[in-house]
Amino acid sequence: MSHHQNDHDTEALRKALFSALNDERTGMLAVTDRNSHAQPMTHFFDEEARVLRFITANDTDLARDVGSGAQAHFTLTTSNREVYACMSGPITASDDRNKLEDLWSPAAAMWFEGGIDDPKVLLLEMPLHEAAVWTVDANALQFGIEMLRANLGDHTPDLGDHAVIRLAA
């Protein structure tokens, strides 16, 4: 069964993605135009602005890779394995103190000797431009078998929906 782009319920996929971003605490962040690996990061999702934010330290490889601006991918798999997503957009350092204060927590404070005022604290912002989203209606075993069949031949796994959706607000 082949899907045409307009067969997809992009609103349902967008809802599934936003719900996943709100429910899950971590995903994998990759600075795409640098020679670096993706790494696990806690994300903060601003649904209204369609922006992801991350707190890191300014002496990390990640901070160096972002520099004065880069392109990034953020991937997320829900713990129930029902949503798989890969989002893309630009990533930059932000000096929005109010946003930082909104996101600050005891967990974040553990990483910085000087707390929120530590000179190493760095807030990153990633406006979401596009996302590839897969929603899976099947159980894990069925999903595994379908993906194996798809990888071995020209079989299209019929397990849910998949499309690339525009997210830029």
C-alpha atoms as a PDB file:
ATOM      1  CA  MET A   1       0.000   0.000   0.000  1.00  0.00           C
ATOM      2  CA  SER A   2       1.722   3.170  -1.104  1.00  0.00           C
ATOM      3  CA  HIS A   3       1.071   6.462   0.641  1.00  0.00           C
ATOM      4  CA  HIS A   4       0.833   9.744  -1.179  1.00  0.00           C
ATOM      5  CA  GLN A   5       1.931  12.819   0.744  1.00  0.00           C
ATOM      6  CA  ASN A   6      -1.643  14.088   1.055  1.00  0.00           C
ATOM      7  CA  ASP A   7      -2.913  10.779   2.456  1.00  0.00           C
ATOM      8  CA  HIS A   8      -1.167  11.522   5.716  1.00  0.00           C
ATOM      9  CA  ASP A   9      -2.914  13.075   8.634  1.00  0.00           C
ATOM     10  CA  THR A  10      -0.211  15.667   9.294  1.00  0.00           C
ATOM     11  CA  GLU A  11      -2.239  17.157  12.138  1.00  0.00           C
ATOM     12  CA  ALA A  12      -2.303  13.764  13.892  1.00  0.00           C
ATOM     13  CA  LEU A  13       1.434  13.346  13.324  1.00  0.00           C
ATOM     14  CA  ARG A  14       2.100  16.847  14.660  1.00  0.00           C
ATOM     15  CA  LYS A  15      -0.026  16.135  17.743  1.00  0.00           C
ATOM     16  CA  ALA A  16       1.783  12.840  18.317  1.00  0.00           C
ATOM     17  CA  LEU A  17       5.143  14.591  18.020  1.00  0.00           C
ATOM     18  CA  PHE A  18       4.232  17.440  20.389  1.00  0.00           C
ATOM     19  CA  SER A  19       2.798  14.988  22.893  1.00  0.00           C
ATOM     20  CA  ALA A  20       6.010  12.922  22.729  1.00  0.00           C
ATOM     21  CA  LEU A  21       8.153  16.043  23.228  1.00  0.00           C
ATOM     22  CA  ASN A  22       6.085  16.973  26.280  1.00  0.00           C
ATOM     23  CA  ASP A  23       6.070  13.462  27.778  1.00  0.00           C
ATOM     24  CA  GLU A  24       9.656  12.371  27.229  1.00  0.00           C
ATOM     25  CA  ARG A  25      12.562  14.025  29.021  1.00  0.00           C
ATOM     26  CA  THR A  26      15.506  13.182  26.786  1.00  0.00           C
ATOM     27  CA  GLY A  27      16.452  12.585  23.178  1.00  0.00           C
ATOM     28  CA  MET A  28      19.569  12.583  21.038  1.00  0.00           C
ATOM     29  CA  LEU A  29      20.969  15.873  19.754  1.00  0.00           C
ATOM     30  CA  ALA A  30      23.330  16.038  16.790  1.00  0.00           C
ATOM     31  CA  VAL A  31      24.965  19.122  15.356  1.00  0.00           C
ATOM     32  CA  THR A  32      24.573  18.065  11.756  1.00  0.00           C
ATOM     33  CA  ASP A  33      27.124  20.204   9.973  1.00  0.00           C
ATOM     34  CA  ARG A  34      29.957  19.273  12.352  1.00  0.00           C
ATOM     35  CA  ASN A  35      31.917  16.048  12.527  1.00  0.00           C
ATOM     36  CA  SER A  36      30.426  14.953  15.837  1.00  0.00           C
ATOM     37  CA  HIS A  37      28.182  12.230  17.221  1.00  0.00           C
ATOM     38  CA  ALA A  38      24.690  12.686  18.570  1.00  0.00           C
ATOM     39  CA  GLN A  39      24.475  12.795  22.342  1.00  0.00           C
ATOM     40  CA  PRO A  40      21.693  12.394  24.886  1.00  0.00           C
ATOM     41  CA  MET A  41      20.236  15.715  26.050  1.00  0.00           C
ATOM     42  CA  THR A  42      17.360  16.789  28.239  1.00  0.00           C
ATOM     43  CA  HIS A  43      15.086  18.951  26.119  1.00  0.00           C
ATOM     44  CA  PHE A  44      12.611  21.646  27.056  1.00  0.00           C
ATOM     45  CA  PHE A  45       9.826  22.028  24.518  1.00  0.00           C
ATOM     46  CA  ASP A  46       8.121  25.361  23.946  1.00  0.00           C
ATOM     47  CA  GLU A  47       5.064  24.204  22.011  1.00  0.00           C
ATOM     48  CA  GLU A  48       3.723  27.655  21.223  1.00  0.00           C
ATOM     49  CA  ALA A  49       7.021  28.860  19.737  1.00  0.00           C
ATOM     50  CA  ARG A  50       7.893  25.386  18.363  1.00  0.00           C
ATOM     51  CA  VAL A  51      11.343  25.671  19.883  1.00  0.00           C
ATOM     52  CA  LEU A  52      13.503  23.161  21.751  1.00  0.00           C
ATOM     53  CA  ARG A  53      15.868  24.447  24.427  1.00  0.00           C
ATOM     54  CA  PHE A  54      18.785  22.725  26.120  1.00  0.00           C
ATOM     55  CA  ILE A  55      21.002  23.665  29.049  1.00  0.00           C
ATOM     56  CA  THR A  56      24.683  22.806  28.694  1.00  0.00           C
ATOM     57  CA  ALA A  57      28.068  24.178  29.741  1.00  0.00           C
ATOM     58  CA  ASN A  58      29.991  26.549  27.488  1.00  0.00           C
ATOM     59  CA  ASP A  59      33.161  24.427  27.716  1.00  0.00           C
ATOM     60  CA  THR A  60      31.574  21.278  26.232  1.00  0.00           C
ATOM     61  CA  ASP A  61      32.150  19.810  22.768  1.00  0.00           C
ATOM     62  CA  LEU A  62      28.491  20.563  22.095  1.00  0.00           C
ATOM     63  CA  ALA A  63      28.934  24.261  22.862  1.00  0.00           C
ATOM     64  CA  ARG A  64      31.996  24.347  20.626  1.00  0.00           C
ATOM     65  CA  ASP A  65      30.109  22.626  17.798  1.00  0.00           C
ATOM     66  CA  VAL A  66      27.199  25.052  18.037  1.00  0.00           C
ATOM     67  CA  GLY A  67      29.570  28.030  18.127  1.00  0.00           C
ATOM     68  CA  SER A  68      27.872  31.075  16.696  1.00  0.00           C
ATOM     69  CA  GLY A  69      25.221  28.920  15.042  1.00  0.00           C
ATOM     70  CA  ALA A  70      24.817  25.544  13.357  1.00  0.00           C
ATOM     71  CA  GLN A  71      22.257  23.107  11.993  1.00  0.00           C
ATOM     72  CA  ALA A  72      20.999  20.326  14.242  1.00  0.00           C
ATOM     73  CA  HIS A  73      18.885  17.191  14.367  1.00  0.00           C
ATOM     74  CA  PHE A  74      17.090  15.999  17.489  1.00  0.00           C
ATOM     75  CA  THR A  75      15.760  12.444  17.576  1.00  0.00           C
ATOM     76  CA  LEU A  76      13.212  11.066  19.987  1.00  0.00           C
ATOM     77  CA  THR A  77      11.688   7.640  20.597  1.00  0.00           C
ATOM     78  CA  THR A  78       8.879   7.365  23.118  1.00  0.00           C
ATOM     79  CA  SER A  79       9.317   4.805  25.883  1.00  0.00           C
ATOM     80  CA  ASN A  80       6.224   2.936  24.652  1.00  0.00           C
ATOM     81  CA  ARG A  81       7.820   2.749  21.161  1.00  0.00           C
ATOM     82  CA  GLU A  82       4.753   4.340  19.550  1.00  0.00           C
ATOM     83  CA  VAL A  83       6.394   7.475  18.195  1.00  0.00           C
ATOM     84  CA  TYR A  84       9.741   7.831  16.438  1.00  0.00           C
ATOM     85  CA  ALA A  85      10.804  11.285  15.297  1.00  0.00           C
ATOM     86  CA  CYS A  86      13.730  13.181  13.846  1.00  0.00           C
ATOM     87  CA  MET A  87      13.491  16.970  13.946  1.00  0.00           C
ATOM     88  CA  SER A  88      15.719  19.504  12.246  1.00  0.00           C
ATOM     89  CA  GLY A  89      16.430  23.194  12.571  1.00  0.00           C
ATOM     90  CA  PRO A  90      19.098  25.766  13.353  1.00  0.00           C
ATOM     91  CA  ILE A  91      20.692  25.777  16.809  1.00  0.00           C
ATOM     92  CA  THR A  92      22.197  28.808  18.514  1.00  0.00           C
ATOM     93  CA  ALA A  93      23.313  30.017  21.922  1.00  0.00           C
ATOM     94  CA  SER A  94      20.736  32.178  23.687  1.00  0.00           C
ATOM     95  CA  ASP A  95      21.223  34.845  26.339  1.00  0.00           C
ATOM     96  CA  ASP A  96      17.531  34.887  27.326  1.00  0.00           C
ATOM     97  CA  ARG A  97      17.853  35.003  31.111  1.00  0.00           C
ATOM     98  CA  ASN A  98      14.074  34.774  31.657  1.00  0.00           C
ATOM     99  CA  LYS A  99      13.858  31.553  29.665  1.00  0.00           C
ATOM    100  CA  LEU A 100      16.841  30.155  31.554  1.00  0.00           C
ATOM    101  CA  GLU A 101      15.150  30.942  34.879  1.00  0.00           C
ATOM    102  CA  ASP A 102      11.933  29.247  33.662  1.00  0.00           C
ATOM    103  CA  LEU A 103      13.842  26.065  32.839  1.00  0.00           C
ATOM    104  CA  TRP A 104      16.243  26.036  35.782  1.00  0.00           C
ATOM    105  CA  SER A 105      15.878  23.174  38.254  1.00  0.00           C
ATOM    106  CA  PRO A 106      17.733  21.432  41.090  1.00  0.00           C
ATOM    107  CA  ALA A 107      18.803  18.842  38.482  1.00  0.00           C
ATOM    108  CA  ALA A 108      20.400  21.547  36.334  1.00  0.00           C
ATOM    109  CA  ALA A 109      21.999  23.153  39.394  1.00  0.00           C
ATOM    110  CA  MET A 110      23.846  19.912  40.218  1.00  0.00           C
ATOM    111  CA  TRP A 111      26.051  20.445  37.153  1.00  0.00           C
ATOM    112  CA  PHE A 112      27.143  23.994  37.963  1.00  0.00           C
ATOM    113  CA  GLU A 113      29.080  25.024  41.071  1.00  0.00           C
ATOM    114  CA  GLY A 114      27.839  28.591  40.832  1.00  0.00           C
ATOM    115  CA  GLY A 115      24.215  27.637  40.192  1.00  0.00           C
ATOM    116  CA  ILE A 116      22.288  29.625  37.601  1.00  0.00           C
ATOM    117  CA  ASP A 117      24.868  32.440  37.759  1.00  0.00           C
ATOM    118  CA  ASP A 118      27.776  30.131  36.946  1.00  0.00           C
ATOM    119  CA  PRO A 119      29.617  31.672  33.971  1.00  0.00           C
ATOM    120  CA  LYS A 120      29.641  28.243  32.302  1.00  0.00           C
ATOM    121  CA  VAL A 121      25.827  27.986  32.017  1.00  0.00           C
ATOM    122  CA  LEU A 122      24.778  28.021  28.365  1.00  0.00           C
ATOM    123  CA  LEU A 123      21.229  27.964  27.021  1.00  0.00           C
ATOM    124  CA  LEU A 124      20.787  26.586  23.500  1.00  0.00           C
ATOM    125  CA  GLU A 125      17.762  27.217  21.293  1.00  0.00           C
ATOM    126  CA  MET A 126      16.608  25.126  18.359  1.00  0.00           C
ATOM    127  CA  PRO A 127      13.562  26.347  16.422  1.00  0.00           C
ATOM    128  CA  LEU A 128      11.956  23.315  14.788  1.00  0.00           C
ATOM    129  CA  HIS A 129      11.675  23.654  11.027  1.00  0.00           C
ATOM    130  CA  GLU A 130      10.808  20.129   9.962  1.00  0.00           C
ATOM    131  CA  ALA A 131      10.279  16.660  11.409  1.00  0.00           C
ATOM    132  CA  ALA A 132      10.104  13.123  10.106  1.00  0.00           C
ATOM    133  CA  VAL A 133       7.564  11.350  12.305  1.00  0.00           C
ATOM    134  CA  TRP A 134       6.568   7.705  12.492  1.00  0.00           C
ATOM    135  CA  THR A 135       3.598   6.583  14.563  1.00  0.00           C
ATOM    136  CA  VAL A 136       3.360   2.853  15.258  1.00  0.00           C
ATOM    137  CA  ASP A 137       0.097   1.068  15.928  1.00  0.00           C
ATOM    138  CA  ALA A 138       1.653  -2.378  16.213  1.00  0.00           C
ATOM    139  CA  ASN A 139       3.145  -4.295  19.108  1.00  0.00           C
ATOM    140  CA  ALA A 140       6.920  -4.457  19.373  1.00  0.00           C
ATOM    141  CA  LEU A 141       7.295  -7.952  17.895  1.00  0.00           C
ATOM    142  CA  GLN A 142       5.096  -7.166  14.889  1.00  0.00           C
ATOM    143  CA  PHE A 143       6.998  -3.901  14.420  1.00  0.00           C
ATOM    144  CA  GLY A 144      10.343  -5.732  14.449  1.00  0.00           C
ATOM    145  CA  ILE A 145       9.162  -8.268  11.868  1.00  0.00           C
ATOM    146  CA  GLU A 146       7.693  -5.575   9.596  1.00  0.00           C
ATOM    147  CA  MET A 147      10.875  -3.461   9.760  1.00  0.00           C
ATOM    148  CA  LEU A 148      13.004  -6.539   9.018  1.00  0.00           C
ATOM    149  CA  ARG A 149      10.840  -7.333   5.977  1.00  0.00           C
ATOM    150  CA  ALA A 150      11.123  -3.704   4.836  1.00  0.00           C
ATOM    151  CA  ASN A 151      14.910  -3.722   5.226  1.00  0.00           C
ATOM    152  CA  LEU A 152      15.256  -6.966   3.272  1.00  0.00           C
ATOM    153  CA  GLY A 153      13.182  -6.028   0.264  1.00  0.00           C
ATOM    154  CA  ASP A 154      10.765  -3.594  -1.255  1.00  0.00           C
ATOM    155  CA  HIS A 155       8.091  -4.219   1.367  1.00  0.00           C
ATOM    156  CA  THR A 156       6.555  -1.071   2.856  1.00  0.00           C
ATOM    157  CA  PRO A 157       5.807  -1.639   6.547  1.00  0.00           C
ATOM    158  CA  ASP A 158       2.112  -1.018   7.163  1.00  0.00           C
ATOM    159  CA  LEU A 159       2.130  -0.240  10.846  1.00  0.00           C
ATOM    160  CA  GLY A 160       0.955   3.293  11.287  1.00  0.00           C
ATOM    161  CA  ASP A 161       1.740   6.530   9.568  1.00  0.00           C
ATOM    162  CA  HIS A 162       4.901   8.306   8.472  1.00  0.00           C
ATOM    163  CA  ALA A 163       5.518  11.658   6.848  1.00  0.00           C
ATOM    164  CA  VAL A 164       7.856  14.612   6.890  1.00  0.00           C
ATOM    165  CA  ILE A 165       5.992  17.600   8.266  1.00  0.00           C
ATOM    166  CA  ARG A 166       6.768  21.314   8.312  1.00  0.00           C
ATOM    167  CA  LEU A 167       6.928  22.821  11.798  1.00  0.00           C
ATOM    168  CA  ALA A 168       8.244  26.341  11.296  1.00  0.00           C
ATOM    169  CA  ALA A 169       5.750  28.540  13.137  1.00  0.00           C
END
